[in-house]
Amino acid sequence: MTIPRIDSHMHVWRLSRGDYGWLTPDLAPIYRDFTIEDVRSSWEQAGIDYAILVQAAPTLEETRYLLSVAESEPKVKGVVGWIDMMAPHAIDELERLASSKLLRGIRPMLQDIPDDDWMLKADLAPVYRALVDLGLRFDALVLPRHLPNLLRLIERYPDIKVVIDHGAKPPIGGDLSSWHRDLAQLAAISHVHCKFSGLVTECRERTSKAALEPVCQSLLALFGPERLIFGSDWPVCTLRSTYVQWWQWAQELTAHLPQDQKNALFGGTAQHFYGLS
């Protein structure tokens, strides 16, 4: 059976929607609309078969927008959306969104929430349970400082399917010791996955394969290809590289792996984790 190549983490957006608060003119290279048509040539160059769209705004409206894009694009096989997990009717809203089989998970924007303990609030327990009951995944958009709390969350809800976005955004070019220590504790939990994505934008100095290599090899050692999931983080990645450049570096940084392990990292693991048909 041929294993598809899957980009597990990319975005599309339209500025006129008005709900991308983080996206300002200071981020000039990405301060414009990005649509499926803008990425299609990069998919072709990298040989990408399918993709998953991930939320970039903390609104229900954006999640519905992503679902509508996915419904009209055969290459998009899933959406990771957003709900207000603290809202009184959060579970009802989650159930409505999950009526679309394209919804594969949710992602609260934990990195932007001032309270680092927010994810552990008791009021969120029913929503975590609903995620499991609905067969949805939890994308953890965290920074290194959140990793101890994420460990507590997973220990509290061991049946939630969790993937750590962007390797938890390590300070590439800086001190990686605490990041590695805390991530290793999460990697020791056999069902926790991690995205091999978003790393180019974490380079403190010049972005290069050499700068990326220590972190990439750490992720491979901690999780193994069977629990790592490739993603482009397009168009955010274009702040530091092109889609195809990151794809090429990812290929070169994993060239030593056997073919079955590369197949897992670049498609098979995403297919299994997100339950894609």
Protein backbone atom coordinates (compact mmCIF):
# COMPACT_ATOMS: atom_id res chain seq x y z
CA MET A 1 0.00 0.00 0.00
CA THR A 2 1.32 3.45 -0.92
CA ILE A 3 1.64 5.81 2.06
CA PRO A 4 0.48 9.33 1.14
CA ARG A 5 2.59 12.38 1.83
CA ILE A 6 0.64 14.56 4.23
CA ASP A 7 1.23 18.13 5.37
CA SER A 8 -0.33 17.95 8.82
CA HIS A 9 -0.13 21.63 9.64
CA MET A 10 -0.87 24.55 7.34
CA HIS A 11 -3.10 27.61 7.32
CA VAL A 12 -5.20 29.67 4.97
CA TRP A 13 -6.67 33.04 5.84
CA ARG A 14 -8.40 36.14 4.54
CA LEU A 15 -7.52 39.39 6.30
CA SER A 16 -10.96 40.84 5.65
CA ARG A 17 -12.37 38.29 8.11
CA GLY A 18 -10.90 40.50 10.84
CA ASP A 19 -10.23 37.86 13.50
CA TYR A 20 -6.46 37.34 13.18
CA GLY A 21 -5.42 39.60 16.03
CA TRP A 22 -1.79 38.43 16.00
CA LEU A 23 -1.39 39.10 12.28
CA THR A 24 -0.25 42.73 11.97
CA PRO A 25 1.50 44.79 9.28
CA ASP A 26 4.77 44.20 11.18
CA LEU A 27 4.66 40.67 9.74
CA ALA A 28 4.81 42.07 6.22
CA PRO A 29 5.63 38.83 4.31
CA ILE A 30 2.46 37.14 5.56
CA TYR A 31 0.19 40.16 6.02
CA ARG A 32 -2.02 39.29 3.07
CA ASP A 33 -4.56 36.68 2.05
CA PHE A 34 -3.36 33.09 1.62
CA THR A 35 -5.56 30.58 -0.18
CA ILE A 36 -5.27 27.01 -1.40
CA GLU A 37 -4.32 28.30 -4.84
CA ASP A 38 -1.27 30.00 -3.32
CA VAL A 39 0.10 26.71 -1.97
CA ARG A 40 -0.81 24.38 -4.82
CA SER A 41 2.50 24.73 -6.68
CA SER A 42 4.45 24.04 -3.46
CA TRP A 43 2.37 20.90 -2.89
CA GLU A 44 3.27 19.78 -6.41
CA GLN A 45 7.00 20.44 -5.96
CA ALA A 46 7.08 18.57 -2.63
CA GLY A 47 4.81 15.79 -3.82
CA ILE A 48 2.23 16.43 -1.10
CA ASP A 49 -0.89 14.30 -1.50
CA TYR A 50 -3.07 15.66 1.31
CA ALA A 51 -3.11 18.39 3.95
CA ILE A 52 -4.72 19.37 7.23
CA LEU A 53 -5.80 22.96 7.86
CA VAL A 54 -5.18 24.33 11.35
CA GLN A 55 -6.90 27.28 12.99
CA ALA A 56 -5.07 30.60 13.21
CA ALA A 57 -7.76 32.66 14.95
CA PRO A 58 -9.62 32.04 18.23
CA THR A 59 -13.09 32.23 16.70
CA LEU A 60 -15.79 29.80 15.71
CA GLU A 61 -16.25 31.74 12.50
CA GLU A 62 -12.72 30.94 11.36
CA THR A 63 -13.21 27.25 12.10
CA ARG A 64 -16.38 27.25 9.99
CA TYR A 65 -14.44 29.05 7.25
CA LEU A 66 -11.73 26.37 7.30
CA LEU A 67 -14.35 23.63 7.12
CA SER A 68 -15.88 25.32 4.09
CA VAL A 69 -12.47 25.48 2.41
CA ALA A 70 -11.88 21.81 3.19
CA GLU A 71 -15.26 20.83 1.79
CA SER A 72 -14.33 22.36 -1.57
CA GLU A 73 -10.73 21.07 -1.79
CA PRO A 74 -10.17 17.31 -2.22
CA LYS A 75 -6.56 17.51 -1.01
CA VAL A 76 -7.64 18.83 2.40
CA LYS A 77 -8.57 15.83 4.52
CA GLY A 78 -9.08 17.48 7.89
CA VAL A 79 -9.41 20.62 9.98
CA VAL A 80 -8.10 21.36 13.46
CA GLY A 81 -10.41 24.09 14.71
CA TRP A 82 -11.14 26.19 17.76
CA ILE A 83 -13.92 26.53 20.30
CA ASP A 84 -14.27 28.65 23.42
CA MET A 85 -13.67 25.80 25.85
CA MET A 86 -14.89 27.90 28.79
CA ALA A 87 -18.21 28.87 27.19
CA PRO A 88 -21.41 27.52 28.81
CA HIS A 89 -22.40 25.74 25.61
CA ALA A 90 -18.91 24.62 24.59
CA ILE A 91 -19.85 20.96 24.27
CA ASP A 92 -22.93 21.73 22.18
CA GLU A 93 -20.77 23.82 19.85
CA LEU A 94 -18.15 21.10 19.67
CA GLU A 95 -20.79 18.53 18.77
CA ARG A 96 -22.18 20.79 16.03
CA LEU A 97 -18.73 21.26 14.50
CA ALA A 98 -17.97 17.56 14.81
CA SER A 99 -21.01 16.75 12.70
CA SER A 100 -18.57 17.46 9.88
CA LYS A 101 -16.25 14.47 9.54
CA LEU A 102 -13.59 16.91 8.37
CA LEU A 103 -13.17 18.24 11.91
CA ARG A 104 -10.32 16.18 13.33
CA GLY A 105 -9.46 18.15 16.45
CA ILE A 106 -9.31 21.46 18.26
CA ARG A 107 -6.51 23.79 19.22
CA PRO A 108 -6.82 26.40 21.96
CA MET A 109 -4.12 28.99 21.42
CA LEU A 110 -2.37 28.15 24.69
CA GLN A 111 0.77 30.11 23.81
CA ASP A 112 -1.27 33.34 23.79
CA ILE A 113 -3.24 32.79 27.02
CA PRO A 114 -1.68 34.86 29.84
CA ASP A 115 -2.44 32.22 32.50
CA ASP A 116 -0.02 29.31 31.99
CA ASP A 117 -2.24 27.20 34.29
CA TRP A 118 -5.35 27.76 32.17
CA MET A 119 -5.21 24.33 30.55
CA LEU A 120 -5.56 22.70 34.00
CA LYS A 121 -8.76 24.52 35.02
CA ALA A 122 -11.34 22.13 36.46
CA ASP A 123 -14.07 23.83 34.39
CA LEU A 124 -12.47 22.40 31.24
CA ALA A 125 -12.89 18.78 32.32
CA PRO A 126 -16.23 18.20 30.50
CA VAL A 127 -14.75 19.50 27.24
CA TYR A 128 -11.73 17.23 27.52
CA ARG A 129 -14.08 14.32 28.07
CA ALA A 130 -16.16 15.36 25.06
CA LEU A 131 -13.05 15.38 22.88
CA VAL A 132 -12.48 11.74 23.71
CA ASP A 133 -16.14 10.81 23.26
CA LEU A 134 -16.26 12.50 19.85
CA GLY A 135 -13.01 10.92 18.68
CA LEU A 136 -11.27 14.28 18.29
CA ARG A 137 -7.62 15.22 18.79
CA PHE A 138 -5.99 17.95 20.87
CA ASP A 139 -3.29 20.06 19.20
CA ALA A 140 -1.17 21.59 21.95
CA LEU A 141 0.15 24.96 20.79
CA VAL A 142 2.62 25.44 23.62
CA LEU A 143 5.93 27.07 24.42
CA PRO A 144 8.66 25.34 26.43
CA ARG A 145 7.41 26.88 29.67
CA HIS A 146 4.06 25.11 29.23
CA LEU A 147 5.50 21.60 29.04
CA PRO A 148 5.28 20.76 32.78
CA ASN A 149 1.58 21.70 32.81
CA LEU A 150 0.96 19.78 29.59
CA LEU A 151 2.45 16.74 31.30
CA ARG A 152 0.02 17.17 34.20
CA LEU A 153 -2.86 17.55 31.75
CA ILE A 154 -2.00 14.33 29.93
CA GLU A 155 -1.57 12.46 33.21
CA ARG A 156 -5.01 13.71 34.26
CA TYR A 157 -6.66 12.73 30.96
CA PRO A 158 -4.60 9.80 29.65
CA ASP A 159 -7.04 8.89 26.88
CA ILE A 160 -6.90 12.24 25.06
CA LYS A 161 -5.00 12.02 21.77
CA VAL A 162 -2.45 14.84 22.03
CA VAL A 163 0.05 16.19 19.53
CA ILE A 164 2.55 18.88 20.50
CA ASP A 165 2.71 21.53 17.81
CA HIS A 166 6.05 22.69 16.40
CA GLY A 167 8.16 20.67 18.81
CA ALA A 168 6.97 23.06 21.54
CA LYS A 169 8.84 25.91 19.82
CA PRO A 170 12.39 25.33 21.10
CA PRO A 171 14.80 28.30 21.28
CA ILE A 172 16.96 27.18 18.36
CA GLY A 173 20.39 28.71 18.79
CA GLY A 174 19.82 29.18 22.53
CA ASP A 175 19.83 26.98 25.63
CA LEU A 176 17.86 23.82 24.84
CA SER A 177 18.49 21.97 28.12
CA SER A 178 15.19 22.66 29.91
CA TRP A 179 13.21 22.21 26.68
CA HIS A 180 14.81 18.82 26.12
CA ARG A 181 14.35 17.73 29.73
CA ASP A 182 10.66 18.62 29.89
CA LEU A 183 9.87 17.34 26.41
CA ALA A 184 11.55 14.02 27.25
CA GLN A 185 9.05 13.48 30.06
CA LEU A 186 6.19 13.90 27.60
CA ALA A 187 7.87 11.73 24.98
CA ALA A 188 8.09 8.94 27.57
CA ILE A 189 4.28 8.68 27.36
CA SER A 190 3.78 6.31 24.47
CA HIS A 191 0.63 7.87 22.98
CA VAL A 192 1.90 11.48 22.90
CA HIS A 193 2.80 12.70 19.40
CA CYS A 194 4.76 15.72 18.21
CA LYS A 195 4.77 17.79 15.04
CA PHE A 196 7.93 18.10 12.99
CA SER A 197 6.87 21.59 11.98
CA GLY A 198 7.25 25.28 12.71
CA LEU A 199 10.96 24.97 13.47
CA VAL A 200 12.35 27.35 10.86
CA THR A 201 10.66 30.31 12.52
CA GLU A 202 12.27 29.45 15.87
CA CYS A 203 15.84 29.93 14.59
CA ARG A 204 17.39 32.85 16.48
CA GLU A 205 20.17 33.33 13.97
CA ARG A 206 20.29 32.58 10.26
CA THR A 207 17.87 29.82 9.28
CA SER A 208 19.74 26.85 7.87
CA LYS A 209 19.81 23.08 7.90
CA ALA A 210 22.79 23.21 10.25
CA ALA A 211 20.88 25.38 12.73
CA LEU A 212 17.90 23.02 12.62
CA GLU A 213 19.83 19.78 12.92
CA PRO A 214 20.32 19.55 16.74
CA VAL A 215 16.62 20.07 17.44
CA CYS A 216 15.48 17.79 14.62
CA GLN A 217 17.75 14.99 15.81
CA SER A 218 16.52 15.47 19.39
CA LEU A 219 12.91 15.14 18.23
CA LEU A 220 13.74 12.00 16.28
CA ALA A 221 15.51 10.51 19.30
CA LEU A 222 12.72 11.42 21.74
CA PHE A 223 9.64 10.47 19.73
CA GLY A 224 10.87 8.33 16.87
CA PRO A 225 9.43 8.72 13.35
CA GLU A 226 6.35 6.73 14.37
CA ARG A 227 5.22 9.56 16.67
CA LEU A 228 6.52 12.54 14.68
CA ILE A 229 4.25 14.23 12.15
CA PHE A 230 5.56 16.44 9.35
CA GLY A 231 3.95 19.84 8.84
CA SER A 232 4.91 22.90 6.82
CA ASP A 233 3.35 25.59 9.04
CA TRP A 234 2.78 27.42 5.75
CA PRO A 235 2.49 30.37 5.27
CA VAL A 236 4.06 31.23 8.64
CA CYS A 237 7.19 29.36 7.57
CA THR A 238 7.69 31.88 4.77
CA LEU A 239 8.91 34.37 7.37
CA ARG A 240 12.16 32.37 7.29
CA SER A 241 12.04 29.93 4.38
CA THR A 242 9.92 28.79 1.48
CA TYR A 243 7.61 25.80 1.79
CA VAL A 244 9.84 23.78 -0.54
CA GLN A 245 13.03 24.79 1.28
CA TRP A 246 11.70 23.51 4.61
CA TRP A 247 10.47 20.34 2.89
CA GLN A 248 13.93 19.79 1.39
CA TRP A 249 15.71 20.38 4.71
CA ALA A 250 13.29 17.97 6.43
CA GLN A 251 14.11 15.35 3.80
CA GLU A 252 17.85 15.84 4.23
CA LEU A 253 17.67 15.83 8.04
CA THR A 254 15.91 12.46 7.94
CA ALA A 255 17.84 10.92 5.04
CA HIS A 256 19.49 8.39 7.37
CA LEU A 257 16.16 6.81 8.30
CA PRO A 258 14.90 3.59 6.71
CA GLN A 259 12.19 4.16 4.11
CA ASP A 260 9.39 2.80 6.31
CA GLN A 261 10.27 5.30 9.03
CA LYS A 262 10.36 8.19 6.55
CA ASN A 263 6.98 7.05 5.23
CA ALA A 264 5.64 7.27 8.78
CA LEU A 265 7.03 10.74 9.51
CA PHE A 266 5.93 12.25 6.21
CA GLY A 267 2.45 10.76 6.04
CA GLY A 268 1.66 7.51 7.78
CA THR A 269 1.73 8.85 11.33
CA ALA A 270 -0.51 11.78 10.42
CA GLN A 271 -2.93 9.43 8.68
CA HIS A 272 -3.13 7.22 11.76
CA PHE A 273 -3.15 9.96 14.40
CA TYR A 274 -5.86 12.08 12.80
CA GLY A 275 -7.88 9.05 11.68
CA LEU A 276 -7.83 10.04 8.01
CA SER A 277 -9.53 7.74 5.55
